[in-house]
Amino acid sequence: RFSGTFVGNAESTSPAAAPSPPAVAPATLPAVPTIPVVPTIVGVPNTVAEGVLNPNEVKPPASGTRKARVLYDYEAADSTELALLADEMITVYSLPGMDPDWLIGERGNQKGKVPVTYLELLS
């Protein structure tokens, strides 16, 4: 027969009385090393993938260049951009990973980013 109460080992303690493990602050956890991720595109200099364009390092694609007529004057904001004059003709192309609102424009030996909205793309 079992009675309604349980008599256990006198040395045992209830779970509530057991000491809890010491709390570990998140700052004391071992740091997990991280590896910086830099997007790269095969065949394109890293300067373009990181958003900084050095026009001298960019080569036009074997195919995919187009002629464009400039609709409005555009003043280049920095050395990565190409200043434009209305009604001039330039050659343009895009690069993988580049902002779709911009193209690379070439005029003679000058090269730089140009805003698509300033251009009328031709054949």
PDB file of N, CA and C in Angstrom:
ATOM      1  N   ARG A   1       0.818  -1.170   0.000  1.00  0.00           N
ATOM      2  CA  ARG A   1       0.000   0.000   0.000  1.00  0.00           C
ATOM      3  C   ARG A   1       0.869   1.243   0.000  1.00  0.00           C
ATOM      4  N   PHE A   2       0.395   2.190  -0.681  1.00  0.00           N
ATOM      5  CA  PHE A   2       1.082   3.473  -0.699  1.00  0.00           C
ATOM      6  C   PHE A   2       0.206   4.505  -0.051  1.00  0.00           C
ATOM      7  N   SER A   3       0.844   5.302   0.756  1.00  0.00           N
ATOM      8  CA  SER A   3       0.063   6.351   1.370  1.00  0.00           C
ATOM      9  C   SER A   3       0.031   7.557   0.433  1.00  0.00           C
ATOM     10  N   GLY A   4      -0.747   8.524   0.775  1.00  0.00           N
ATOM     11  CA  GLY A   4      -0.911   9.697  -0.064  1.00  0.00           C
ATOM     12  C   GLY A   4       0.317  10.599  -0.081  1.00  0.00           C
ATOM     13  N   THR A   5       1.309  10.365   0.714  1.00  0.00           N
ATOM     14  CA  THR A   5       2.499  11.204   0.712  1.00  0.00           C
ATOM     15  C   THR A   5       3.696  10.359   0.357  1.00  0.00           C
ATOM     16  N   PHE A   6       4.685  11.001  -0.178  1.00  0.00           N
ATOM     17  CA  PHE A   6       5.906  10.318  -0.563  1.00  0.00           C
ATOM     18  C   PHE A   6       7.020  10.817   0.336  1.00  0.00           C
ATOM     19  N   VAL A   7       7.710   9.889   0.899  1.00  0.00           N
ATOM     20  CA  VAL A   7       8.836  10.253   1.743  1.00  0.00           C
ATOM     21  C   VAL A   7      10.081   9.936   0.932  1.00  0.00           C
ATOM     22  N   GLY A   8      10.846  10.949   0.642  1.00  0.00           N
ATOM     23  CA  GLY A   8      12.030  10.746  -0.179  1.00  0.00           C
ATOM     24  C   GLY A   8      13.287  10.837   0.627  1.00  0.00           C
ATOM     25  N   ASN A   9      14.383  10.877  -0.065  1.00  0.00           N
ATOM     26  CA  ASN A   9      15.682  11.004   0.559  1.00  0.00           C
ATOM     27  C   ASN A   9      15.737  12.362   1.248  1.00  0.00           C
ATOM     28  N   ALA A  10      16.186  12.398   2.439  1.00  0.00           N
ATOM     29  CA  ALA A  10      16.230  13.631   3.203  1.00  0.00           C
ATOM     30  C   ALA A  10      17.217  14.631   2.596  1.00  0.00           C
ATOM     31  N   GLU A  11      18.201  14.136   1.833  1.00  0.00           N
ATOM     32  CA  GLU A  11      19.180  15.031   1.254  1.00  0.00           C
ATOM     33  C   GLU A  11      18.714  15.644  -0.066  1.00  0.00           C
ATOM     34  N   SER A  12      17.670  15.097  -0.630  1.00  0.00           N
ATOM     35  CA  SER A  12      17.227  15.642  -1.919  1.00  0.00           C
ATOM     36  C   SER A  12      16.589  17.001  -1.704  1.00  0.00           C
ATOM     37  N   THR A  13      16.652  17.781  -2.710  1.00  0.00           N
ATOM     38  CA  THR A  13      16.069  19.114  -2.639  1.00  0.00           C
ATOM     39  C   THR A  13      15.026  19.231  -3.721  1.00  0.00           C
ATOM     40  N   SER A  14      14.101  20.094  -3.532  1.00  0.00           N
ATOM     41  CA  SER A  14      13.083  20.309  -4.544  1.00  0.00           C
ATOM     42  C   SER A  14      13.682  21.141  -5.668  1.00  0.00           C
ATOM     43  N   PRO A  15      13.112  21.077  -6.872  1.00  0.00           N
ATOM     44  CA  PRO A  15      13.652  21.857  -7.975  1.00  0.00           C
ATOM     45  C   PRO A  15      13.665  23.350  -7.670  1.00  0.00           C
ATOM     46  N   ALA A  16      12.746  23.830  -6.903  1.00  0.00           N
ATOM     47  CA  ALA A  16      12.702  25.258  -6.612  1.00  0.00           C
ATOM     48  C   ALA A  16      13.870  25.666  -5.725  1.00  0.00           C
ATOM     49  N   ALA A  17      14.339  24.741  -4.894  1.00  0.00           N
ATOM     50  CA  ALA A  17      15.411  25.073  -3.986  1.00  0.00           C
ATOM     51  C   ALA A  17      16.782  24.846  -4.627  1.00  0.00           C
ATOM     52  N   ALA A  18      16.819  24.144  -5.747  1.00  0.00           N
ATOM     53  CA  ALA A  18      18.099  23.875  -6.398  1.00  0.00           C
ATOM     54  C   ALA A  18      18.677  25.179  -6.936  1.00  0.00           C
ATOM     55  N   PRO A  19      19.975  25.359  -6.771  1.00  0.00           N
ATOM     56  CA  PRO A  19      20.561  26.601  -7.286  1.00  0.00           C
ATOM     57  C   PRO A  19      20.512  26.607  -8.809  1.00  0.00           C
ATOM     58  N   SER A  20      20.167  27.763  -9.370  1.00  0.00           N
ATOM     59  CA  SER A  20      20.105  27.863 -10.829  1.00  0.00           C
ATOM     60  C   SER A  20      21.508  28.142 -11.352  1.00  0.00           C
ATOM     61  N   PRO A  21      21.775  27.704 -12.565  1.00  0.00           N
ATOM     62  CA  PRO A  21      23.097  27.986 -13.115  1.00  0.00           C
ATOM     63  C   PRO A  21      23.284  29.496 -13.244  1.00  0.00           C
ATOM     64  N   PRO A  22      24.507  29.945 -13.143  1.00  0.00           N
ATOM     65  CA  PRO A  22      24.729  31.392 -13.219  1.00  0.00           C
ATOM     66  C   PRO A  22      24.304  31.925 -14.587  1.00  0.00           C
ATOM     67  N   ALA A  23      23.701  33.084 -14.586  1.00  0.00           N
ATOM     68  CA  ALA A  23      23.258  33.703 -15.837  1.00  0.00           C
ATOM     69  C   ALA A  23      24.480  34.173 -16.621  1.00  0.00           C
ATOM     70  N   VAL A  24      24.425  33.968 -17.917  1.00  0.00           N
ATOM     71  CA  VAL A  24      25.530  34.382 -18.771  1.00  0.00           C
ATOM     72  C   VAL A  24      25.064  35.589 -19.565  1.00  0.00           C
ATOM     73  N   ALA A  25      25.737  36.692 -19.392  1.00  0.00           N
ATOM     74  CA  ALA A  25      25.391  37.901 -20.134  1.00  0.00           C
ATOM     75  C   ALA A  25      25.805  37.715 -21.588  1.00  0.00           C
ATOM     76  N   PRO A  26      25.008  38.225 -22.535  1.00  0.00           N
ATOM     77  CA  PRO A  26      25.357  38.067 -23.949  1.00  0.00           C
ATOM     78  C   PRO A  26      26.747  38.584 -24.284  1.00  0.00           C
ATOM     79  N   ALA A  27      27.233  39.580 -23.558  1.00  0.00           N
ATOM     80  CA  ALA A  27      28.543  40.148 -23.871  1.00  0.00           C
ATOM     81  C   ALA A  27      29.672  39.186 -23.521  1.00  0.00           C
ATOM     82  N   THR A  28      29.399  38.209 -22.617  1.00  0.00           N
ATOM     83  CA  THR A  28      30.463  37.304 -22.216  1.00  0.00           C
ATOM     84  C   THR A  28      30.520  36.063 -23.096  1.00  0.00           C
ATOM     85  N   LEU A  29      29.566  35.910 -23.992  1.00  0.00           N
ATOM     86  CA  LEU A  29      29.614  34.768 -24.891  1.00  0.00           C
ATOM     87  C   LEU A  29      30.784  34.935 -25.845  1.00  0.00           C
ATOM     88  N   PRO A  30      31.360  33.830 -26.290  1.00  0.00           N
ATOM     89  CA  PRO A  30      32.469  33.973 -27.242  1.00  0.00           C
ATOM     90  C   PRO A  30      31.976  34.619 -28.531  1.00  0.00           C
ATOM     91  N   ALA A  31      32.772  35.504 -29.028  1.00  0.00           N
ATOM     92  CA  ALA A  31      32.393  36.209 -30.260  1.00  0.00           C
ATOM     93  C   ALA A  31      32.479  35.253 -31.440  1.00  0.00           C
ATOM     94  N   VAL A  32      31.492  35.315 -32.303  1.00  0.00           N
ATOM     95  CA  VAL A  32      31.498  34.507 -33.508  1.00  0.00           C
ATOM     96  C   VAL A  32      32.170  35.333 -34.594  1.00  0.00           C
ATOM     97  N   PRO A  33      33.262  34.833 -35.143  1.00  0.00           N
ATOM     98  CA  PRO A  33      33.937  35.632 -36.168  1.00  0.00           C
ATOM     99  C   PRO A  33      33.067  35.775 -37.404  1.00  0.00           C
ATOM    100  N   THR A  34      33.091  36.933 -37.983  1.00  0.00           N
ATOM    101  CA  THR A  34      32.333  37.166 -39.207  1.00  0.00           C
ATOM    102  C   THR A  34      33.299  37.478 -40.335  1.00  0.00           C
ATOM    103  N   ILE A  35      32.908  37.091 -41.501  1.00  0.00           N
ATOM    104  CA  ILE A  35      33.713  37.349 -42.687  1.00  0.00           C
ATOM    105  C   ILE A  35      32.982  38.391 -43.500  1.00  0.00           C
ATOM    106  N   PRO A  36      33.629  39.509 -43.806  1.00  0.00           N
ATOM    107  CA  PRO A  36      32.936  40.528 -44.603  1.00  0.00           C
ATOM    108  C   PRO A  36      32.636  39.987 -45.991  1.00  0.00           C
ATOM    109  N   VAL A  37      31.449  40.294 -46.475  1.00  0.00           N
ATOM    110  CA  VAL A  37      31.033  39.842 -47.798  1.00  0.00           C
ATOM    111  C   VAL A  37      31.089  41.031 -48.739  1.00  0.00           C
ATOM    112  N   VAL A  38      31.892  40.903 -49.766  1.00  0.00           N
ATOM    113  CA  VAL A  38      32.023  41.952 -50.771  1.00  0.00           C
ATOM    114  C   VAL A  38      31.504  41.387 -52.075  1.00  0.00           C
ATOM    115  N   PRO A  39      30.427  41.961 -52.622  1.00  0.00           N
ATOM    116  CA  PRO A  39      29.904  41.420 -53.870  1.00  0.00           C
ATOM    117  C   PRO A  39      30.910  41.616 -54.995  1.00  0.00           C
ATOM    118  N   THR A  40      31.104  40.553 -55.759  1.00  0.00           N
ATOM    119  CA  THR A  40      31.990  40.660 -56.908  1.00  0.00           C
ATOM    120  C   THR A  40      31.279  40.104 -58.120  1.00  0.00           C
ATOM    121  N   ILE A  41      31.615  40.637 -59.243  1.00  0.00           N
ATOM    122  CA  ILE A  41      31.035  40.196 -60.501  1.00  0.00           C
ATOM    123  C   ILE A  41      32.191  39.801 -61.391  1.00  0.00           C
ATOM    124  N   VAL A  42      32.125  38.601 -61.928  1.00  0.00           N
ATOM    125  CA  VAL A  42      33.214  38.100 -62.749  1.00  0.00           C
ATOM    126  C   VAL A  42      33.432  39.027 -63.938  1.00  0.00           C
ATOM    127  N   GLY A  43      34.651  39.439 -64.136  1.00  0.00           N
ATOM    128  CA  GLY A  43      34.998  40.283 -65.276  1.00  0.00           C
ATOM    129  C   GLY A  43      34.793  41.767 -65.058  1.00  0.00           C
ATOM    130  N   VAL A  44      34.263  42.150 -63.893  1.00  0.00           N
ATOM    131  CA  VAL A  44      34.017  43.567 -63.618  1.00  0.00           C
ATOM    132  C   VAL A  44      34.880  43.958 -62.433  1.00  0.00           C
ATOM    133  N   PRO A  45      35.616  45.031 -62.531  1.00  0.00           N
ATOM    134  CA  PRO A  45      36.451  45.455 -61.405  1.00  0.00           C
ATOM    135  C   PRO A  45      35.619  45.660 -60.147  1.00  0.00           C
ATOM    136  N   ASN A  46      36.182  45.344 -58.989  1.00  0.00           N
ATOM    137  CA  ASN A  46      35.467  45.495 -57.724  1.00  0.00           C
ATOM    138  C   ASN A  46      34.999  46.914 -57.496  1.00  0.00           C
ATOM    139  N   THR A  47      35.650  47.891 -58.077  1.00  0.00           N
ATOM    140  CA  THR A  47      35.247  49.275 -57.860  1.00  0.00           C
ATOM    141  C   THR A  47      33.838  49.516 -58.374  1.00  0.00           C
ATOM    142  N   VAL A  48      33.421  48.797 -59.411  1.00  0.00           N
ATOM    143  CA  VAL A  48      32.064  48.959 -59.928  1.00  0.00           C
ATOM    144  C   VAL A  48      31.085  48.235 -59.022  1.00  0.00           C
ATOM    145  N   ALA A  49      31.426  47.026 -58.562  1.00  0.00           N
ATOM    146  CA  ALA A  49      30.533  46.248 -57.715  1.00  0.00           C
ATOM    147  C   ALA A  49      30.274  46.954 -56.391  1.00  0.00           C
ATOM    148  N   GLU A  50      31.216  47.725 -55.906  1.00  0.00           N
ATOM    149  CA  GLU A  50      31.043  48.430 -54.651  1.00  0.00           C
ATOM    150  C   GLU A  50      30.379  49.787 -54.842  1.00  0.00           C
ATOM    151  N   GLY A  51      30.018  50.138 -56.073  1.00  0.00           N
ATOM    152  CA  GLY A  51      29.313  51.388 -56.312  1.00  0.00           C
ATOM    153  C   GLY A  51      30.229  52.544 -56.659  1.00  0.00           C
ATOM    154  N   VAL A  52      31.542  52.333 -56.698  1.00  0.00           N
ATOM    155  CA  VAL A  52      32.479  53.387 -57.059  1.00  0.00           C
ATOM    156  C   VAL A  52      33.016  53.049 -58.435  1.00  0.00           C
ATOM    157  N   LEU A  53      32.838  53.946 -59.352  1.00  0.00           N
ATOM    158  CA  LEU A  53      33.228  53.698 -60.728  1.00  0.00           C
ATOM    159  C   LEU A  53      34.482  54.463 -61.073  1.00  0.00           C
ATOM    160  N   ASN A  54      35.473  53.745 -61.547  1.00  0.00           N
ATOM    161  CA  ASN A  54      36.652  54.383 -62.107  1.00  0.00           C
ATOM    162  C   ASN A  54      36.538  54.179 -63.602  1.00  0.00           C
ATOM    163  N   PRO A  55      36.126  55.186 -64.349  1.00  0.00           N
ATOM    164  CA  PRO A  55      35.857  55.015 -65.779  1.00  0.00           C
ATOM    165  C   PRO A  55      37.026  54.427 -66.562  1.00  0.00           C
ATOM    166  N   ASN A  56      38.244  54.634 -66.111  1.00  0.00           N
ATOM    167  CA  ASN A  56      39.387  54.094 -66.835  1.00  0.00           C
ATOM    168  C   ASN A  56      39.498  52.579 -66.716  1.00  0.00           C
ATOM    169  N   GLU A  57      38.878  51.977 -65.681  1.00  0.00           N
ATOM    170  CA  GLU A  57      38.944  50.533 -65.482  1.00  0.00           C
ATOM    171  C   GLU A  57      37.815  49.789 -66.182  1.00  0.00           C
ATOM    172  N   VAL A  58      36.803  50.487 -66.655  1.00  0.00           N
ATOM    173  CA  VAL A  58      35.636  49.855 -67.252  1.00  0.00           C
ATOM    174  C   VAL A  58      35.853  49.687 -68.746  1.00  0.00           C
ATOM    175  N   LYS A  59      35.596  48.473 -69.212  1.00  0.00           N
ATOM    176  CA  LYS A  59      35.687  48.208 -70.644  1.00  0.00           C
ATOM    177  C   LYS A  59      34.293  47.896 -71.165  1.00  0.00           C
ATOM    178  N   PRO A  60      33.940  48.375 -72.356  1.00  0.00           N
ATOM    179  CA  PRO A  60      32.601  48.097 -72.879  1.00  0.00           C
ATOM    180  C   PRO A  60      32.444  46.604 -73.155  1.00  0.00           C
ATOM    181  N   PRO A  61      31.224  46.098 -73.043  1.00  0.00           N
ATOM    182  CA  PRO A  61      30.992  44.691 -73.346  1.00  0.00           C
ATOM    183  C   PRO A  61      31.207  44.427 -74.832  1.00  0.00           C
ATOM    184  N   ALA A  62      31.482  43.166 -75.167  1.00  0.00           N
ATOM    185  CA  ALA A  62      31.711  42.805 -76.567  1.00  0.00           C
ATOM    186  C   ALA A  62      30.485  43.123 -77.413  1.00  0.00           C
ATOM    187  N   SER A  63      29.314  42.957 -76.838  1.00  0.00           N
ATOM    188  CA  SER A  63      28.089  43.341 -77.538  1.00  0.00           C
ATOM    189  C   SER A  63      27.179  44.026 -76.523  1.00  0.00           C
ATOM    190  N   GLY A  64      26.190  44.723 -76.998  1.00  0.00           N
ATOM    191  CA  GLY A  64      25.266  45.382 -76.083  1.00  0.00           C
ATOM    192  C   GLY A  64      25.464  46.872 -75.970  1.00  0.00           C
ATOM    193  N   THR A  65      26.353  47.450 -76.780  1.00  0.00           N
ATOM    194  CA  THR A  65      26.469  48.907 -76.761  1.00  0.00           C
ATOM    195  C   THR A  65      25.391  49.482 -77.670  1.00  0.00           C
ATOM    196  N   ARG A  66      24.918  50.659 -77.306  1.00  0.00           N
ATOM    197  CA  ARG A  66      23.883  51.335 -78.094  1.00  0.00           C
ATOM    198  C   ARG A  66      24.260  52.795 -78.245  1.00  0.00           C
ATOM    199  N   LYS A  67      23.704  53.392 -79.256  1.00  0.00           N
ATOM    200  CA  LYS A  67      23.828  54.837 -79.431  1.00  0.00           C
ATOM    201  C   LYS A  67      22.675  55.487 -78.681  1.00  0.00           C
ATOM    202  N   ALA A  68      22.925  56.681 -78.185  1.00  0.00           N
ATOM    203  CA  ALA A  68      21.879  57.421 -77.483  1.00  0.00           C
ATOM    204  C   ALA A  68      22.026  58.901 -77.807  1.00  0.00           C
ATOM    205  N   ARG A  69      20.887  59.561 -77.894  1.00  0.00           N
ATOM    206  CA  ARG A  69      20.866  61.010 -78.079  1.00  0.00           C
ATOM    207  C   ARG A  69      20.568  61.624 -76.728  1.00  0.00           C
ATOM    208  N   VAL A  70      21.343  62.622 -76.360  1.00  0.00           N
ATOM    209  CA  VAL A  70      21.169  63.293 -75.076  1.00  0.00           C
ATOM    210  C   VAL A  70      20.006  64.273 -75.196  1.00  0.00           C
ATOM    211  N   LEU A  71      19.048  64.175 -74.270  1.00  0.00           N
ATOM    212  CA  LEU A  71      17.856  65.019 -74.305  1.00  0.00           C
ATOM    213  C   LEU A  71      18.056  66.368 -73.608  1.00  0.00           C
ATOM    214  N   TYR A  72      18.861  66.379 -72.532  1.00  0.00           N
ATOM    215  CA  TYR A  72      19.042  67.598 -71.735  1.00  0.00           C
ATOM    216  C   TYR A  72      20.510  67.722 -71.335  1.00  0.00           C
ATOM    217  N   ASP A  73      20.938  68.936 -71.084  1.00  0.00           N
ATOM    218  CA  ASP A  73      22.278  69.140 -70.532  1.00  0.00           C
ATOM    219  C   ASP A  73      22.339  68.486 -69.154  1.00  0.00           C
ATOM    220  N   TYR A  74      23.485  67.896 -68.840  1.00  0.00           N
ATOM    221  CA  TYR A  74      23.682  67.282 -67.526  1.00  0.00           C
ATOM    222  C   TYR A  74      25.075  67.627 -67.032  1.00  0.00           C
ATOM    223  N   GLU A  75      25.160  68.190 -65.839  1.00  0.00           N
ATOM    224  CA  GLU A  75      26.444  68.525 -65.241  1.00  0.00           C
ATOM    225  C   GLU A  75      26.876  67.380 -64.334  1.00  0.00           C
ATOM    226  N   ALA A  76      28.043  66.824 -64.576  1.00  0.00           N
ATOM    227  CA  ALA A  76      28.543  65.701 -63.784  1.00  0.00           C
ATOM    228  C   ALA A  76      28.730  66.120 -62.332  1.00  0.00           C
ATOM    229  N   ALA A  77      28.268  65.277 -61.405  1.00  0.00           N
ATOM    230  CA  ALA A  77      28.394  65.571 -59.976  1.00  0.00           C
ATOM    231  C   ALA A  77      29.792  65.259 -59.451  1.00  0.00           C
ATOM    232  N   ASP A  78      30.489  64.311 -60.086  1.00  0.00           N
ATOM    233  CA  ASP A  78      31.862  63.976 -59.684  1.00  0.00           C
ATOM    234  C   ASP A  78      32.591  63.353 -60.866  1.00  0.00           C
ATOM    235  N   SER A  79      33.804  62.896 -60.628  1.00  0.00           N
ATOM    236  CA  SER A  79      34.641  62.400 -61.724  1.00  0.00           C
ATOM    237  C   SER A  79      34.187  61.059 -62.283  1.00  0.00           C
ATOM    238  N   THR A  80      33.231  60.374 -61.608  1.00  0.00           N
ATOM    239  CA  THR A  80      32.733  59.102 -62.128  1.00  0.00           C
ATOM    240  C   THR A  80      31.625  59.301 -63.154  1.00  0.00           C
ATOM    241  N   GLU A  81      31.103  60.536 -63.258  1.00  0.00           N
ATOM    242  CA  GLU A  81      30.007  60.817 -64.175  1.00  0.00           C
ATOM    243  C   GLU A  81      30.505  61.564 -65.405  1.00  0.00           C
ATOM    244  N   LEU A  82      29.730  61.463 -66.480  1.00  0.00           N
ATOM    245  CA  LEU A  82      30.059  62.124 -67.737  1.00  0.00           C
ATOM    246  C   LEU A  82      29.110  63.300 -67.932  1.00  0.00           C
ATOM    247  N   ALA A  83      29.654  64.494 -68.109  1.00  0.00           N
ATOM    248  CA  ALA A  83      28.823  65.674 -68.389  1.00  0.00           C
ATOM    249  C   ALA A  83      28.236  65.529 -69.794  1.00  0.00           C
ATOM    250  N   LEU A  84      26.991  65.960 -69.967  1.00  0.00           N
ATOM    251  CA  LEU A  84      26.294  65.805 -71.243  1.00  0.00           C
ATOM    252  C   LEU A  84      25.788  67.149 -71.755  1.00  0.00           C
ATOM    253  N   LEU A  85      25.730  67.243 -73.080  1.00  0.00           N
ATOM    254  CA  LEU A  85      25.131  68.406 -73.730  1.00  0.00           C
ATOM    255  C   LEU A  85      23.948  67.930 -74.559  1.00  0.00           C
ATOM    256  N   ALA A  86      22.848  68.670 -74.503  1.00  0.00           N
ATOM    257  CA  ALA A  86      21.647  68.296 -75.244  1.00  0.00           C
ATOM    258  C   ALA A  86      21.967  68.104 -76.722  1.00  0.00           C
ATOM    259  N   ASP A  87      21.337  67.106 -77.338  1.00  0.00           N
ATOM    260  CA  ASP A  87      21.428  66.773 -78.759  1.00  0.00           C
ATOM    261  C   ASP A  87      22.736  66.106 -79.180  1.00  0.00           C
ATOM    262  N   GLU A  88      23.674  65.869 -78.269  1.00  0.00           N
ATOM    263  CA  GLU A  88      24.871  65.144 -78.695  1.00  0.00           C
ATOM    264  C   GLU A  88      24.595  63.644 -78.718  1.00  0.00           C
ATOM    265  N   MET A  89      25.394  62.893 -79.471  1.00  0.00           N
ATOM    266  CA  MET A  89      25.262  61.444 -79.584  1.00  0.00           C
ATOM    267  C   MET A  89      26.403  60.801 -78.791  1.00  0.00           C
ATOM    268  N   ILE A  90      26.059  59.807 -77.968  1.00  0.00           N
ATOM    269  CA  ILE A  90      27.067  59.073 -77.201  1.00  0.00           C
ATOM    270  C   ILE A  90      26.793  57.577 -77.330  1.00  0.00           C
ATOM    271  N   THR A  91      27.753  56.772 -76.979  1.00  0.00           N
ATOM    272  CA  THR A  91      27.599  55.322 -76.913  1.00  0.00           C
ATOM    273  C   THR A  91      27.351  54.959 -75.460  1.00  0.00           C
ATOM    274  N   VAL A  92      26.381  54.079 -75.210  1.00  0.00           N
ATOM    275  CA  VAL A  92      26.053  53.694 -73.837  1.00  0.00           C
ATOM    276  C   VAL A  92      25.978  52.182 -73.716  1.00  0.00           C
ATOM    277  N   TYR A  93      26.204  51.701 -72.488  1.00  0.00           N
ATOM    278  CA  TYR A  93      26.037  50.287 -72.165  1.00  0.00           C
ATOM    279  C   TYR A  93      25.881  50.163 -70.666  1.00  0.00           C
ATOM    280  N   SER A  94      25.383  49.015 -70.245  1.00  0.00           N
ATOM    281  CA  SER A  94      25.214  48.776 -68.811  1.00  0.00           C
ATOM    282  C   SER A  94      26.163  47.666 -68.388  1.00  0.00           C
ATOM    283  N   LEU A  95      26.386  47.604 -67.089  1.00  0.00           N
ATOM    284  CA  LEU A  95      27.229  46.564 -66.509  1.00  0.00           C
ATOM    285  C   LEU A  95      26.414  45.762 -65.514  1.00  0.00           C
ATOM    286  N   PRO A  96      26.703  44.467 -65.360  1.00  0.00           N
ATOM    287  CA  PRO A  96      25.979  43.660 -64.372  1.00  0.00           C
ATOM    288  C   PRO A  96      26.142  44.252 -62.976  1.00  0.00           C
ATOM    289  N   GLY A  97      25.060  44.309 -62.239  1.00  0.00           N
ATOM    290  CA  GLY A  97      25.103  44.815 -60.874  1.00  0.00           C
ATOM    291  C   GLY A  97      25.026  46.317 -60.761  1.00  0.00           C
ATOM    292  N   MET A  98      24.965  47.004 -61.877  1.00  0.00           N
ATOM    293  CA  MET A  98      24.924  48.471 -61.862  1.00  0.00           C
ATOM    294  C   MET A  98      23.487  48.947 -61.645  1.00  0.00           C
ATOM    295  N   ASP A  99      23.329  50.083 -61.005  1.00  0.00           N
ATOM    296  CA  ASP A  99      22.010  50.680 -60.788  1.00  0.00           C
ATOM    297  C   ASP A  99      21.316  50.835 -62.138  1.00  0.00           C
ATOM    298  N   PRO A 100      20.088  50.331 -62.279  1.00  0.00           N
ATOM    299  CA  PRO A 100      19.407  50.390 -63.576  1.00  0.00           C
ATOM    300  C   PRO A 100      19.036  51.801 -64.027  1.00  0.00           C
ATOM    301  N   ASP A 101      19.138  52.785 -63.159  1.00  0.00           N
ATOM    302  CA  ASP A 101      18.839  54.171 -63.535  1.00  0.00           C
ATOM    303  C   ASP A 101      20.031  54.858 -64.185  1.00  0.00           C
ATOM    304  N   TRP A 102      21.160  54.168 -64.292  1.00  0.00           N
ATOM    305  CA  TRP A 102      22.383  54.734 -64.844  1.00  0.00           C
ATOM    306  C   TRP A 102      22.947  53.806 -65.909  1.00  0.00           C
ATOM    307  N   LEU A 103      23.665  54.381 -66.850  1.00  0.00           N
ATOM    308  CA  LEU A 103      24.401  53.640 -67.872  1.00  0.00           C
ATOM    309  C   LEU A 103      25.818  54.191 -67.916  1.00  0.00           C
ATOM    310  N   ILE A 104      26.715  53.436 -68.521  1.00  0.00           N
ATOM    311  CA  ILE A 104      28.053  53.957 -68.791  1.00  0.00           C
ATOM    312  C   ILE A 104      27.976  54.631 -70.149  1.00  0.00           C
ATOM    313  N   GLY A 105      28.408  55.872 -70.216  1.00  0.00           N
ATOM    314  CA  GLY A 105      28.402  56.609 -71.468  1.00  0.00           C
ATOM    315  C   GLY A 105      29.824  56.884 -71.936  1.00  0.00           C
ATOM    316  N   GLU A 106      30.023  56.828 -73.257  1.00  0.00           N
ATOM    317  CA  GLU A 106      31.330  57.131 -73.842  1.00  0.00           C
ATOM    318  C   GLU A 106      31.168  58.167 -74.936  1.00  0.00           C
ATOM    319  N   ARG A 107      32.082  59.133 -74.905  1.00  0.00           N
ATOM    320  CA  ARG A 107      32.156  60.155 -75.947  1.00  0.00           C
ATOM    321  C   ARG A 107      33.635  60.346 -76.233  1.00  0.00           C
ATOM    322  N   GLY A 108      34.081  59.859 -77.382  1.00  0.00           N
ATOM    323  CA  GLY A 108      35.505  59.930 -77.689  1.00  0.00           C
ATOM    324  C   GLY A 108      36.286  59.117 -76.674  1.00  0.00           C
ATOM    325  N   ASN A 109      37.246  59.756 -76.005  1.00  0.00           N
ATOM    326  CA  ASN A 109      38.021  59.047 -74.988  1.00  0.00           C
ATOM    327  C   ASN A 109      37.505  59.328 -73.573  1.00  0.00           C
ATOM    328  N   GLN A 110      36.357  60.012 -73.455  1.00  0.00           N
ATOM    329  CA  GLN A 110      35.747  60.288 -72.157  1.00  0.00           C
ATOM    330  C   GLN A 110      34.725  59.213 -71.844  1.00  0.00           C
ATOM    331  N   LYS A 111      34.659  58.832 -70.566  1.00  0.00           N
ATOM    332  CA  LYS A 111      33.767  57.763 -70.143  1.00  0.00           C
ATOM    333  C   LYS A 111      33.258  58.069 -68.746  1.00  0.00           C
ATOM    334  N   GLY A 112      31.998  57.731 -68.454  1.00  0.00           N
ATOM    335  CA  GLY A 112      31.452  57.926 -67.113  1.00  0.00           C
ATOM    336  C   GLY A 112      29.994  57.533 -67.042  1.00  0.00           C
ATOM    337  N   LYS A 113      29.456  57.552 -65.831  1.00  0.00           N
ATOM    338  CA  LYS A 113      28.043  57.215 -65.621  1.00  0.00           C
ATOM    339  C   LYS A 113      27.163  58.353 -66.134  1.00  0.00           C
ATOM    340  N   VAL A 114      26.025  57.968 -66.716  1.00  0.00           N
ATOM    341  CA  VAL A 114      25.053  58.953 -67.187  1.00  0.00           C
ATOM    342  C   VAL A 114      23.654  58.498 -66.774  1.00  0.00           C
ATOM    343  N   PRO A 115      22.776  59.427 -66.401  1.00  0.00           N
ATOM    344  CA  PRO A 115      21.424  59.038 -66.010  1.00  0.00           C
ATOM    345  C   PRO A 115      20.587  58.659 -67.240  1.00  0.00           C
ATOM    346  N   VAL A 116      19.877  57.551 -67.148  1.00  0.00           N
ATOM    347  CA  VAL A 116      19.069  57.061 -68.263  1.00  0.00           C
ATOM    348  C   VAL A 116      17.993  58.060 -68.650  1.00  0.00           C
ATOM    349  N   THR A 117      17.446  58.783 -67.692  1.00  0.00           N
ATOM    350  CA  THR A 117      16.341  59.710 -67.968  1.00  0.00           C
ATOM    351  C   THR A 117      16.756  60.873 -68.845  1.00  0.00           C
ATOM    352  N   TYR A 118      18.051  61.100 -69.031  1.00  0.00           N
ATOM    353  CA  TYR A 118      18.538  62.170 -69.873  1.00  0.00           C
ATOM    354  C   TYR A 118      18.794  61.709 -71.298  1.00  0.00           C
ATOM    355  N   LEU A 119      18.485  60.445 -71.592  1.00  0.00           N
ATOM    356  CA  LEU A 119      18.843  59.864 -72.872  1.00  0.00           C
ATOM    357  C   LEU A 119      17.641  59.356 -73.672  1.00  0.00           C
ATOM    358  N   GLU A 120      17.769  59.431 -74.984  1.00  0.00           N
ATOM    359  CA  GLU A 120      16.854  58.738 -75.890  1.00  0.00           C
ATOM    360  C   GLU A 120      17.685  57.619 -76.511  1.00  0.00           C
ATOM    361  N   LEU A 121      17.371  56.379 -76.111  1.00  0.00           N
ATOM    362  CA  LEU A 121      18.143  55.235 -76.606  1.00  0.00           C
ATOM    363  C   LEU A 121      17.742  54.942 -78.046  1.00  0.00           C
ATOM    364  N   LEU A 122      18.740  54.783 -78.906  1.00  0.00           N
ATOM    365  CA  LEU A 122      18.521  54.499 -80.318  1.00  0.00           C
ATOM    366  C   LEU A 122      18.915  53.049 -80.579  1.00  0.00           C
ATOM    367  N   SER A 123      18.748  52.615 -81.816  1.00  0.00           N
ATOM    368  CA  SER A 123      19.015  51.222 -82.203  1.00  0.00           C
ATOM    369  C   SER A 123      20.083  50.606 -81.433  1.00  0.00           C
TER     370      SER A 123
END
